mmCIF file of all heavy atoms, coordinates in Angstrom:
data_MODEL
# 
_entry.id   MODEL 
# 
loop_
_atom_site.group_PDB 
_atom_site.id 
_atom_site.type_symbol 
_atom_site.label_atom_id 
_atom_site.label_alt_id 
_atom_site.label_comp_id 
_atom_site.label_asym_id 
_atom_site.label_entity_id 
_atom_site.label_seq_id 
_atom_site.pdbx_PDB_ins_code 
_atom_site.Cartn_x 
_atom_site.Cartn_y 
_atom_site.Cartn_z 
_atom_site.occupancy 
_atom_site.B_iso_or_equiv 
_atom_site.pdbx_formal_charge 
_atom_site.auth_seq_id 
_atom_site.auth_comp_id 
_atom_site.auth_asym_id 
_atom_site.auth_atom_id 
_atom_site.pdbx_PDB_model_num 
ATOM 1   N N   . ARG A 1 1  ? -30.399 1.828  63.012 1.00 0.00 ? 1  ARG A N   1 
ATOM 2   C CA  . ARG A 1 1  ? -29.295 2.622  62.455 1.00 0.00 ? 1  ARG A CA  1 
ATOM 3   C C   . ARG A 1 1  ? -27.950 1.986  62.802 1.00 0.00 ? 1  ARG A C   1 
ATOM 4   O O   . ARG A 1 1  ? -27.030 1.953  61.962 1.00 0.00 ? 1  ARG A O   1 
ATOM 5   C CB  . ARG A 1 1  ? -29.357 4.050  62.987 1.00 0.00 ? 1  ARG A CB  1 
ATOM 6   C CG  . ARG A 1 1  ? -30.463 4.893  62.360 1.00 0.00 ? 1  ARG A CG  1 
ATOM 7   C CD  . ARG A 1 1  ? -30.575 6.221  63.051 1.00 0.00 ? 1  ARG A CD  1 
ATOM 8   N NE  . ARG A 1 1  ? -31.516 7.124  62.388 1.00 0.00 ? 1  ARG A NE  1 
ATOM 9   C CZ  . ARG A 1 1  ? -32.056 8.191  62.957 1.00 0.00 ? 1  ARG A CZ  1 
ATOM 10  N NH1 . ARG A 1 1  ? -31.738 8.503  64.211 1.00 0.00 ? 1  ARG A NH1 1 
ATOM 11  N NH2 . ARG A 1 1  ? -32.889 8.962  62.298 1.00 0.00 ? 1  ARG A NH2 1 
ATOM 12  N N   . ASN A 1 2  ? -27.806 1.495  64.027 1.00 0.00 ? 2  ASN A N   1 
ATOM 13  C CA  . ASN A 1 2  ? -26.562 0.837  64.425 1.00 0.00 ? 2  ASN A CA  1 
ATOM 14  C C   . ASN A 1 2  ? -26.271 -0.360 63.529 1.00 0.00 ? 2  ASN A C   1 
ATOM 15  O O   . ASN A 1 2  ? -25.122 -0.578 63.106 1.00 0.00 ? 2  ASN A O   1 
ATOM 16  C CB  . ASN A 1 2  ? -26.647 0.385  65.885 1.00 0.00 ? 2  ASN A CB  1 
ATOM 17  C CG  . ASN A 1 2  ? -26.597 1.545  66.865 1.00 0.00 ? 2  ASN A CG  1 
ATOM 18  O OD1 . ASN A 1 2  ? -26.188 2.654  66.519 1.00 0.00 ? 2  ASN A OD1 1 
ATOM 19  N ND2 . ASN A 1 2  ? -27.023 1.300  68.092 1.00 0.00 ? 2  ASN A ND2 1 
ATOM 20  N N   . THR A 1 3  ? -27.312 -1.133 63.229 1.00 0.00 ? 3  THR A N   1 
ATOM 21  C CA  . THR A 1 3  ? -27.150 -2.285 62.341 1.00 0.00 ? 3  THR A CA  1 
ATOM 22  C C   . THR A 1 3  ? -26.693 -1.821 60.956 1.00 0.00 ? 3  THR A C   1 
ATOM 23  O O   . THR A 1 3  ? -25.774 -2.391 60.361 1.00 0.00 ? 3  THR A O   1 
ATOM 24  C CB  . THR A 1 3  ? -28.471 -3.066 62.220 1.00 0.00 ? 3  THR A CB  1 
ATOM 25  O OG1 . THR A 1 3  ? -28.838 -3.565 63.501 1.00 0.00 ? 3  THR A OG1 1 
ATOM 26  C CG2 . THR A 1 3  ? -28.328 -4.226 61.237 1.00 0.00 ? 3  THR A CG2 1 
ATOM 27  N N   . GLY A 1 4  ? -27.324 -0.761 60.455 1.00 0.00 ? 4  GLY A N   1 
ATOM 28  C CA  . GLY A 1 4  ? -26.956 -0.242 59.140 1.00 0.00 ? 4  GLY A CA  1 
ATOM 29  C C   . GLY A 1 4  ? -25.508 0.212  59.078 1.00 0.00 ? 4  GLY A C   1 
ATOM 30  O O   . GLY A 1 4  ? -24.789 -0.079 58.108 1.00 0.00 ? 4  GLY A O   1 
ATOM 31  N N   . VAL A 1 5  ? -25.057 0.896  60.119 1.00 0.00 ? 5  VAL A N   1 
ATOM 32  C CA  . VAL A 1 5  ? -23.667 1.366  60.175 1.00 0.00 ? 5  VAL A CA  1 
ATOM 33  C C   . VAL A 1 5  ? -22.701 0.186  60.151 1.00 0.00 ? 5  VAL A C   1 
ATOM 34  O O   . VAL A 1 5  ? -21.641 0.239  59.505 1.00 0.00 ? 5  VAL A O   1 
ATOM 35  C CB  . VAL A 1 5  ? -23.436 2.235  61.431 1.00 0.00 ? 5  VAL A CB  1 
ATOM 36  C CG1 . VAL A 1 5  ? -21.946 2.517  61.632 1.00 0.00 ? 5  VAL A CG1 1 
ATOM 37  C CG2 . VAL A 1 5  ? -24.198 3.553  61.321 1.00 0.00 ? 5  VAL A CG2 1 
ATOM 38  N N   . SER A 1 6  ? -23.055 -0.885 60.823 1.00 0.00 ? 6  SER A N   1 
ATOM 39  C CA  . SER A 1 6  ? -22.157 -2.048 60.883 1.00 0.00 ? 6  SER A CA  1 
ATOM 40  C C   . SER A 1 6  ? -21.967 -2.702 59.518 1.00 0.00 ? 6  SER A C   1 
ATOM 41  O O   . SER A 1 6  ? -20.983 -3.416 59.299 1.00 0.00 ? 6  SER A O   1 
ATOM 42  C CB  . SER A 1 6  ? -22.689 -3.085 61.891 1.00 0.00 ? 6  SER A CB  1 
ATOM 43  O OG  . SER A 1 6  ? -23.870 -3.713 61.402 1.00 0.00 ? 6  SER A OG  1 
ATOM 44  N N   . PHE A 1 7  ? -22.897 -2.480 58.576 1.00 0.00 ? 7  PHE A N   1 
ATOM 45  C CA  . PHE A 1 7  ? -22.787 -3.049 57.229 1.00 0.00 ? 7  PHE A CA  1 
ATOM 46  C C   . PHE A 1 7  ? -22.229 -2.050 56.220 1.00 0.00 ? 7  PHE A C   1 
ATOM 47  O O   . PHE A 1 7  ? -21.972 -2.411 55.065 1.00 0.00 ? 7  PHE A O   1 
ATOM 48  C CB  . PHE A 1 7  ? -24.156 -3.550 56.748 1.00 0.00 ? 7  PHE A CB  1 
ATOM 49  C CG  . PHE A 1 7  ? -24.553 -4.887 57.300 1.00 0.00 ? 7  PHE A CG  1 
ATOM 50  C CD1 . PHE A 1 7  ? -25.203 -4.984 58.517 1.00 0.00 ? 7  PHE A CD1 1 
ATOM 51  C CD2 . PHE A 1 7  ? -24.257 -6.052 56.612 1.00 0.00 ? 7  PHE A CD2 1 
ATOM 52  C CE1 . PHE A 1 7  ? -25.575 -6.211 59.038 1.00 0.00 ? 7  PHE A CE1 1 
ATOM 53  C CE2 . PHE A 1 7  ? -24.618 -7.292 57.122 1.00 0.00 ? 7  PHE A CE2 1 
ATOM 54  C CZ  . PHE A 1 7  ? -25.275 -7.371 58.341 1.00 0.00 ? 7  PHE A CZ  1 
ATOM 55  N N   . ALA A 1 8  ? -22.065 -0.796 56.620 1.00 0.00 ? 8  ALA A N   1 
ATOM 56  C CA  . ALA A 1 8  ? -21.609 0.245  55.686 1.00 0.00 ? 8  ALA A CA  1 
ATOM 57  C C   . ALA A 1 8  ? -20.155 0.022  55.297 1.00 0.00 ? 8  ALA A C   1 
ATOM 58  O O   . ALA A 1 8  ? -19.329 -0.392 56.105 1.00 0.00 ? 8  ALA A O   1 
ATOM 59  C CB  . ALA A 1 8  ? -21.777 1.616  56.325 1.00 0.00 ? 8  ALA A CB  1 
ATOM 60  N N   . THR A 1 9  ? -19.834 0.344  54.034 1.00 0.00 ? 9  THR A N   1 
ATOM 61  C CA  . THR A 1 9  ? -18.460 0.167  53.543 1.00 0.00 ? 9  THR A CA  1 
ATOM 62  C C   . THR A 1 9  ? -17.886 1.436  52.919 1.00 0.00 ? 9  THR A C   1 
ATOM 63  O O   . THR A 1 9  ? -16.702 1.479  52.608 1.00 0.00 ? 9  THR A O   1 
ATOM 64  C CB  . THR A 1 9  ? -18.411 -0.954 52.484 1.00 0.00 ? 9  THR A CB  1 
ATOM 65  O OG1 . THR A 1 9  ? -19.221 -0.579 51.358 1.00 0.00 ? 9  THR A OG1 1 
ATOM 66  C CG2 . THR A 1 9  ? -18.911 -2.279 53.052 1.00 0.00 ? 9  THR A CG2 1 
ATOM 67  N N   . ALA A 1 10 ? -18.707 2.451  52.698 1.00 0.00 ? 10 ALA A N   1 
ATOM 68  C CA  . ALA A 1 10 ? -18.241 3.668  52.023 1.00 0.00 ? 10 ALA A CA  1 
ATOM 69  C C   . ALA A 1 10 ? -17.454 4.567  52.969 1.00 0.00 ? 10 ALA A C   1 
ATOM 70  O O   . ALA A 1 10 ? -17.441 4.369  54.182 1.00 0.00 ? 10 ALA A O   1 
ATOM 71  C CB  . ALA A 1 10 ? -19.434 4.436  51.443 1.00 0.00 ? 10 ALA A CB  1 
ATOM 72  N N   . ARG A 1 11 ? -16.808 5.573  52.400 1.00 0.00 ? 11 ARG A N   1 
ATOM 73  C CA  . ARG A 1 11 ? -16.038 6.534  53.207 1.00 0.00 ? 11 ARG A CA  1 
ATOM 74  C C   . ARG A 1 11 ? -16.968 7.355  54.101 1.00 0.00 ? 11 ARG A C   1 
ATOM 75  O O   . ARG A 1 11 ? -16.647 7.644  55.245 1.00 0.00 ? 11 ARG A O   1 
ATOM 76  C CB  . ARG A 1 11 ? -15.255 7.482  52.295 1.00 0.00 ? 11 ARG A CB  1 
ATOM 77  C CG  . ARG A 1 11 ? -14.442 8.534  53.066 1.00 0.00 ? 11 ARG A CG  1 
ATOM 78  C CD  . ARG A 1 11 ? -13.878 9.570  52.104 1.00 0.00 ? 11 ARG A CD  1 
ATOM 79  N NE  . ARG A 1 11 ? -12.936 8.983  51.167 1.00 0.00 ? 11 ARG A NE  1 
ATOM 80  C CZ  . ARG A 1 11 ? -11.641 8.800  51.441 1.00 0.00 ? 11 ARG A CZ  1 
ATOM 81  N NH1 . ARG A 1 11 ? -11.165 9.158  52.623 1.00 0.00 ? 11 ARG A NH1 1 
ATOM 82  N NH2 . ARG A 1 11 ? -10.841 8.277  50.551 1.00 0.00 ? 11 ARG A NH2 1 
ATOM 83  N N   . TRP A 1 12 ? -18.131 7.733  53.563 1.00 0.00 ? 12 TRP A N   1 
ATOM 84  C CA  . TRP A 1 12 ? -19.085 8.569  54.287 1.00 0.00 ? 12 TRP A CA  1 
ATOM 85  C C   . TRP A 1 12 ? -20.373 7.802  54.554 1.00 0.00 ? 12 TRP A C   1 
ATOM 86  O O   . TRP A 1 12 ? -20.770 6.934  53.765 1.00 0.00 ? 12 TRP A O   1 
ATOM 87  C CB  . TRP A 1 12 ? -19.440 9.834  53.489 1.00 0.00 ? 12 TRP A CB  1 
ATOM 88  C CG  . TRP A 1 12 ? -18.290 10.748 53.228 1.00 0.00 ? 12 TRP A CG  1 
ATOM 89  C CD1 . TRP A 1 12 ? -17.552 10.837 52.081 1.00 0.00 ? 12 TRP A CD1 1 
ATOM 90  C CD2 . TRP A 1 12 ? -17.728 11.719 54.125 1.00 0.00 ? 12 TRP A CD2 1 
ATOM 91  N NE1 . TRP A 1 12 ? -16.580 11.798 52.202 1.00 0.00 ? 12 TRP A NE1 1 
ATOM 92  C CE2 . TRP A 1 12 ? -16.664 12.365 53.449 1.00 0.00 ? 12 TRP A CE2 1 
ATOM 93  C CE3 . TRP A 1 12 ? -18.028 12.134 55.430 1.00 0.00 ? 12 TRP A CE3 1 
ATOM 94  C CZ2 . TRP A 1 12 ? -15.899 13.372 54.035 1.00 0.00 ? 12 TRP A CZ2 1 
ATOM 95  C CZ3 . TRP A 1 12 ? -17.281 13.138 56.023 1.00 0.00 ? 12 TRP A CZ3 1 
ATOM 96  C CH2 . TRP A 1 12 ? -16.227 13.745 55.325 1.00 0.00 ? 12 TRP A CH2 1 
ATOM 97  N N   . VAL A 1 13 ? -21.038 8.144  55.656 1.00 0.00 ? 13 VAL A N   1 
ATOM 98  C CA  . VAL A 1 13 ? -22.343 7.560  55.990 1.00 0.00 ? 13 VAL A CA  1 
ATOM 99  C C   . VAL A 1 13 ? -23.360 8.680  56.102 1.00 0.00 ? 13 VAL A C   1 
ATOM 100 O O   . VAL A 1 13 ? -23.113 9.704  56.755 1.00 0.00 ? 13 VAL A O   1 
ATOM 101 C CB  . VAL A 1 13 ? -22.296 6.757  57.309 1.00 0.00 ? 13 VAL A CB  1 
ATOM 102 C CG1 . VAL A 1 13 ? -23.694 6.272  57.691 1.00 0.00 ? 13 VAL A CG1 1 
ATOM 103 C CG2 . VAL A 1 13 ? -21.336 5.577  57.184 1.00 0.00 ? 13 VAL A CG2 1 
ATOM 104 N N   . MET A 1 14 ? -24.499 8.488  55.455 1.00 0.00 ? 14 MET A N   1 
ATOM 105 C CA  . MET A 1 14 ? -25.620 9.429  55.533 1.00 0.00 ? 14 MET A CA  1 
ATOM 106 C C   . MET A 1 14 ? -26.843 8.670  56.028 1.00 0.00 ? 14 MET A C   1 
ATOM 107 O O   . MET A 1 14 ? -27.072 7.525  55.626 1.00 0.00 ? 14 MET A O   1 
ATOM 108 C CB  . MET A 1 14 ? -25.900 10.054 54.162 1.00 0.00 ? 14 MET A CB  1 
ATOM 109 C CG  . MET A 1 14 ? -27.140 10.921 54.112 1.00 0.00 ? 14 MET A CG  1 
ATOM 110 S SD  . MET A 1 14 ? -27.462 11.594 52.446 1.00 0.00 ? 14 MET A SD  1 
ATOM 111 C CE  . MET A 1 14 ? -26.381 13.019 52.478 1.00 0.00 ? 14 MET A CE  1 
ATOM 112 N N   . PHE A 1 15 ? -27.638 9.297  56.893 1.00 0.00 ? 15 PHE A N   1 
ATOM 113 C CA  . PHE A 1 15 ? -28.854 8.675  57.404 1.00 0.00 ? 15 PHE A CA  1 
ATOM 114 C C   . PHE A 1 15 ? -30.069 9.315  56.742 1.00 0.00 ? 15 PHE A C   1 
ATOM 115 O O   . PHE A 1 15 ? -30.172 10.545 56.641 1.00 0.00 ? 15 PHE A O   1 
ATOM 116 C CB  . PHE A 1 15 ? -28.936 8.820  58.929 1.00 0.00 ? 15 PHE A CB  1 
ATOM 117 C CG  . PHE A 1 15 ? -27.806 8.144  59.652 1.00 0.00 ? 15 PHE A CG  1 
ATOM 118 C CD1 . PHE A 1 15 ? -26.702 8.871  60.092 1.00 0.00 ? 15 PHE A CD1 1 
ATOM 119 C CD2 . PHE A 1 15 ? -27.818 6.776  59.860 1.00 0.00 ? 15 PHE A CD2 1 
ATOM 120 C CE1 . PHE A 1 15 ? -25.646 8.248  60.734 1.00 0.00 ? 15 PHE A CE1 1 
ATOM 121 C CE2 . PHE A 1 15 ? -26.761 6.139  60.500 1.00 0.00 ? 15 PHE A CE2 1 
ATOM 122 C CZ  . PHE A 1 15 ? -25.668 6.881  60.940 1.00 0.00 ? 15 PHE A CZ  1 
ATOM 123 N N   . LEU A 1 16 ? -30.990 8.461  56.293 1.00 0.00 ? 16 LEU A N   1 
ATOM 124 C CA  . LEU A 1 16 ? -32.214 8.909  55.645 1.00 0.00 ? 16 LEU A CA  1 
ATOM 125 C C   . LEU A 1 16 ? -33.378 8.158  56.276 1.00 0.00 ? 16 LEU A C   1 
ATOM 126 O O   . LEU A 1 16 ? -33.398 6.921  56.277 1.00 0.00 ? 16 LEU A O   1 
ATOM 127 C CB  . LEU A 1 16 ? -32.140 8.621  54.133 1.00 0.00 ? 16 LEU A CB  1 
ATOM 128 C CG  . LEU A 1 16 ? -33.408 8.853  53.305 1.00 0.00 ? 16 LEU A CG  1 
ATOM 129 C CD1 . LEU A 1 16 ? -33.812 10.322 53.324 1.00 0.00 ? 16 LEU A CD1 1 
ATOM 130 C CD2 . LEU A 1 16 ? -33.194 8.374  51.863 1.00 0.00 ? 16 LEU A CD2 1 
ATOM 131 N N   . ASP A 1 17 ? -34.343 8.881  56.828 1.00 0.00 ? 17 ASP A N   1 
ATOM 132 C CA  . ASP A 1 17 ? -35.516 8.229  57.398 1.00 0.00 ? 17 ASP A CA  1 
ATOM 133 C C   . ASP A 1 17 ? -36.409 7.721  56.272 1.00 0.00 ? 17 ASP A C   1 
ATOM 134 O O   . ASP A 1 17 ? -36.471 8.307  55.187 1.00 0.00 ? 17 ASP A O   1 
ATOM 135 C CB  . ASP A 1 17 ? -36.288 9.182  58.305 1.00 0.00 ? 17 ASP A CB  1 
ATOM 136 C CG  . ASP A 1 17 ? -35.587 9.392  59.648 1.00 0.00 ? 17 ASP A CG  1 
ATOM 137 O OD1 . ASP A 1 17 ? -34.658 8.617  59.960 1.00 0.00 ? 17 ASP A OD1 1 
ATOM 138 O OD2 . ASP A 1 17 ? -35.962 10.329 60.378 1.00 0.00 ? 17 ASP A OD2 1 
ATOM 139 N N   . SER A 1 18 ? -37.134 6.656  56.545 1.00 0.00 ? 18 SER A N   1 
ATOM 140 C CA  . SER A 1 18 ? -37.906 5.983  55.498 1.00 0.00 ? 18 SER A CA  1 
ATOM 141 C C   . SER A 1 18 ? -39.096 6.791  55.005 1.00 0.00 ? 18 SER A C   1 
ATOM 142 O O   . SER A 1 18 ? -39.689 6.444  53.978 1.00 0.00 ? 18 SER A O   1 
ATOM 143 C CB  . SER A 1 18 ? -38.397 4.628  56.014 1.00 0.00 ? 18 SER A CB  1 
ATOM 144 O OG  . SER A 1 18 ? -39.216 4.809  57.166 1.00 0.00 ? 18 SER A OG  1 
ATOM 145 N N   . ASP A 1 19 ? -39.466 7.868  55.706 1.00 0.00 ? 19 ASP A N   1 
ATOM 146 C CA  . ASP A 1 19 ? -40.581 8.699  55.255 1.00 0.00 ? 19 ASP A CA  1 
ATOM 147 C C   . ASP A 1 19 ? -40.111 10.042 54.696 1.00 0.00 ? 19 ASP A C   1 
ATOM 148 O O   . ASP A 1 19 ? -40.916 10.938 54.458 1.00 0.00 ? 19 ASP A O   1 
ATOM 149 C CB  . ASP A 1 19 ? -41.594 8.930  56.386 1.00 0.00 ? 19 ASP A CB  1 
ATOM 150 C CG  . ASP A 1 19 ? -40.942 9.348  57.693 1.00 0.00 ? 19 ASP A CG  1 
ATOM 151 O OD1 . ASP A 1 19 ? -39.745 9.697  57.673 1.00 0.00 ? 19 ASP A OD1 1 
ATOM 152 O OD2 . ASP A 1 19 ? -41.616 9.321  58.730 1.00 0.00 ? 19 ASP A OD2 1 
ATOM 153 N N   . ASP A 1 20 ? -38.800 10.197 54.481 1.00 0.00 ? 20 ASP A N   1 
ATOM 154 C CA  . ASP A 1 20 ? -38.240 11.425 53.929 1.00 0.00 ? 20 ASP A CA  1 
ATOM 155 C C   . ASP A 1 20 ? -37.587 11.153 52.574 1.00 0.00 ? 20 ASP A C   1 
ATOM 156 O O   . ASP A 1 20 ? -37.500 9.996  52.141 1.00 0.00 ? 20 ASP A O   1 
ATOM 157 C CB  . ASP A 1 20 ? -37.207 12.031 54.892 1.00 0.00 ? 20 ASP A CB  1 
ATOM 158 C CG  . ASP A 1 20 ? -37.827 12.436 56.218 1.00 0.00 ? 20 ASP A CG  1 
ATOM 159 O OD1 . ASP A 1 20 ? -39.047 12.703 56.249 1.00 0.00 ? 20 ASP A OD1 1 
ATOM 160 O OD2 . ASP A 1 20 ? -37.094 12.472 57.229 1.00 0.00 ? 20 ASP A OD2 1 
ATOM 161 N N   . VAL A 1 21 ? -37.083 12.209 51.923 1.00 0.00 ? 21 VAL A N   1 
ATOM 162 C CA  . VAL A 1 21 ? -36.430 12.043 50.619 1.00 0.00 ? 21 VAL A CA  1 
ATOM 163 C C   . VAL A 1 21 ? -35.227 12.980 50.505 1.00 0.00 ? 21 VAL A C   1 
ATOM 164 O O   . VAL A 1 21 ? -35.164 14.016 51.169 1.00 0.00 ? 21 VAL A O   1 
ATOM 165 C CB  . VAL A 1 21 ? -37.391 12.335 49.443 1.00 0.00 ? 21 VAL A CB  1 
ATOM 166 C CG1 . VAL A 1 21 ? -38.511 11.321 49.385 1.00 0.00 ? 21 VAL A CG1 1 
ATOM 167 C CG2 . VAL A 1 21 ? -37.951 13.757 49.518 1.00 0.00 ? 21 VAL A CG2 1 
ATOM 168 N N   . LEU A 1 22 ? -34.281 12.605 49.636 1.00 0.00 ? 22 LEU A N   1 
ATOM 169 C CA  . LEU A 1 22 ? -33.191 13.497 49.258 1.00 0.00 ? 22 LEU A CA  1 
ATOM 170 C C   . LEU A 1 22 ? -33.642 14.384 48.108 1.00 0.00 ? 22 LEU A C   1 
ATOM 171 O O   . LEU A 1 22 ? -34.477 13.985 47.296 1.00 0.00 ? 22 LEU A O   1 
ATOM 172 C CB  . LEU A 1 22 ? -31.956 12.696 48.834 1.00 0.00 ? 22 LEU A CB  1 
ATOM 173 C CG  . LEU A 1 22 ? -31.261 11.850 49.900 1.00 0.00 ? 22 LEU A CG  1 
ATOM 174 C CD1 . LEU A 1 22 ? -29.964 11.273 49.331 1.00 0.00 ? 22 LEU A CD1 1 
ATOM 175 C CD2 . LEU A 1 22 ? -30.975 12.647 51.154 1.00 0.00 ? 22 LEU A CD2 1 
ATOM 176 N N   . LEU A 1 23 ? -33.061 15.588 48.049 1.00 0.00 ? 23 LEU A N   1 
ATOM 177 C CA  . LEU A 1 23 ? -33.412 16.559 47.011 1.00 0.00 ? 23 LEU A CA  1 
ATOM 178 C C   . LEU A 1 23 ? -32.204 16.848 46.129 1.00 0.00 ? 23 LEU A C   1 
ATOM 179 O O   . LEU A 1 23 ? -31.110 17.089 46.630 1.00 0.00 ? 23 LEU A O   1 
ATOM 180 C CB  . LEU A 1 23 ? -33.898 17.870 47.649 1.00 0.00 ? 23 LEU A CB  1 
ATOM 181 C CG  . LEU A 1 23 ? -35.098 17.768 48.596 1.00 0.00 ? 23 LEU A CG  1 
ATOM 182 C CD1 . LEU A 1 23 ? -35.348 19.115 49.255 1.00 0.00 ? 23 LEU A CD1 1 
ATOM 183 C CD2 . LEU A 1 23 ? -36.335 17.297 47.838 1.00 0.00 ? 23 LEU A CD2 1 
ATOM 184 N N   . ASN A 1 24 ? -32.421 16.875 44.842 1.00 0.00 ? 24 ASN A N   1 
ATOM 185 C CA  . ASN A 1 24 ? -31.341 17.147 43.897 1.00 0.00 ? 24 ASN A CA  1 
ATOM 186 C C   . ASN A 1 24 ? -30.790 18.555 44.012 1.00 0.00 ? 24 ASN A C   1 
ATOM 187 O O   . ASN A 1 24 ? -29.701 18.850 43.501 1.00 0.00 ? 24 ASN A O   1 
ATOM 188 C CB  . ASN A 1 24 ? -31.832 16.913 42.463 1.00 0.00 ? 24 ASN A CB  1 
ATOM 189 C CG  . ASN A 1 24 ? -31.635 15.475 42.036 1.00 0.00 ? 24 ASN A CG  1 
ATOM 190 O OD1 . ASN A 1 24 ? -30.569 14.916 42.239 1.00 0.00 ? 24 ASN A OD1 1 
ATOM 191 N ND2 . ASN A 1 24 ? -32.661 14.877 41.470 1.00 0.00 ? 24 ASN A ND2 1 
ATOM 192 N N   . SER A 1 25 ? -31.524 19.447 44.670 1.00 0.00 ? 25 SER A N   1 
ATOM 193 C CA  . SER A 1 25 ? -31.092 20.845 44.755 1.00 0.00 ? 25 SER A CA  1 
ATOM 194 C C   . SER A 1 25 ? -29.721 20.986 45.407 1.00 0.00 ? 25 SER A C   1 
ATOM 195 O O   . SER A 1 25 ? -28.984 21.922 45.129 1.00 0.00 ? 25 SER A O   1 
ATOM 196 C CB  . SER A 1 25 ? -32.117 21.665 45.549 1.00 0.00 ? 25 SER A CB  1 
ATOM 197 O OG  . SER A 1 25 ? -32.334 21.098 46.824 1.00 0.00 ? 25 SER A OG  1 
ATOM 198 N N   . GLY A 1 26 ? -29.373 20.054 46.274 1.00 0.00 ? 26 GLY A N   1 
ATOM 199 C CA  . GLY A 1 26 ? -28.095 20.160 46.976 1.00 0.00 ? 26 GLY A CA  1 
ATOM 200 C C   . GLY A 1 26 ? -26.972 19.343 46.373 1.00 0.00 ? 26 GLY A C   1 
ATOM 201 O O   . GLY A 1 26 ? -25.917 19.164 47.002 1.00 0.00 ? 26 GLY A O   1 
ATOM 202 N N   . ALA A 1 27 ? -27.163 18.840 45.150 1.00 0.00 ? 27 ALA A N   1 
ATOM 203 C CA  . ALA A 1 27 ? -26.162 17.968 44.530 1.00 0.00 ? 27 ALA A CA  1 
ATOM 204 C C   . ALA A 1 27 ? -24.764 18.576 44.458 1.00 0.00 ? 27 ALA A C   1 
ATOM 205 O O   . ALA A 1 27 ? -23.776 17.911 44.821 1.00 0.00 ? 27 ALA A O   1 
ATOM 206 C CB  . ALA A 1 27 ? -26.628 17.550 43.131 1.00 0.00 ? 27 ALA A CB  1 
ATOM 207 N N   . PRO A 1 28 ? -24.600 19.847 44.025 1.00 0.00 ? 28 PRO A N   1 
ATOM 208 C CA  . PRO A 1 28 ? -23.236 20.405 43.962 1.00 0.00 ? 28 PRO A CA  1 
ATOM 209 C C   . PRO A 1 28 ? -22.537 20.412 45.318 1.00 0.00 ? 28 PRO A C   1 
ATOM 210 O O   . PRO A 1 28 ? -21.346 20.103 45.420 1.00 0.00 ? 28 PRO A O   1 
ATOM 211 C CB  . PRO A 1 28 ? -23.467 21.831 43.449 1.00 0.00 ? 28 PRO A CB  1 
ATOM 212 C CG  . PRO A 1 28 ? -24.761 21.768 42.717 1.00 0.00 ? 28 PRO A CG  1 
ATOM 213 C CD  . PRO A 1 28 ? -25.602 20.800 43.489 1.00 0.00 ? 28 PRO A CD  1 
ATOM 214 N N   . SER A 1 29 ? -23.282 20.760 46.368 1.00 0.00 ? 29 SER A N   1 
ATOM 215 C CA  . SER A 1 29 ? -22.695 20.782 47.706 1.00 0.00 ? 29 SER A CA  1 
ATOM 216 C C   . SER A 1 29 ? -22.297 19.394 48.167 1.00 0.00 ? 29 SER A C   1 
ATOM 217 O O   . SER A 1 29 ? -21.231 19.189 48.750 1.00 0.00 ? 29 SER A O   1 
ATOM 218 C CB  . SER A 1 29 ? -23.681 21.391 48.711 1.00 0.00 ? 29 SER A CB  1 
ATOM 219 O OG  . SER A 1 29 ? -23.930 22.741 48.422 1.00 0.00 ? 29 SER A OG  1 
# 
């Protein structure tokens, strides 16, 4: 994760584990 953060360029950083998924249900939020 530290390595990933060092390459990030966006305003916000989100962490996602490789065995999980994002859900569209929260898109408006």
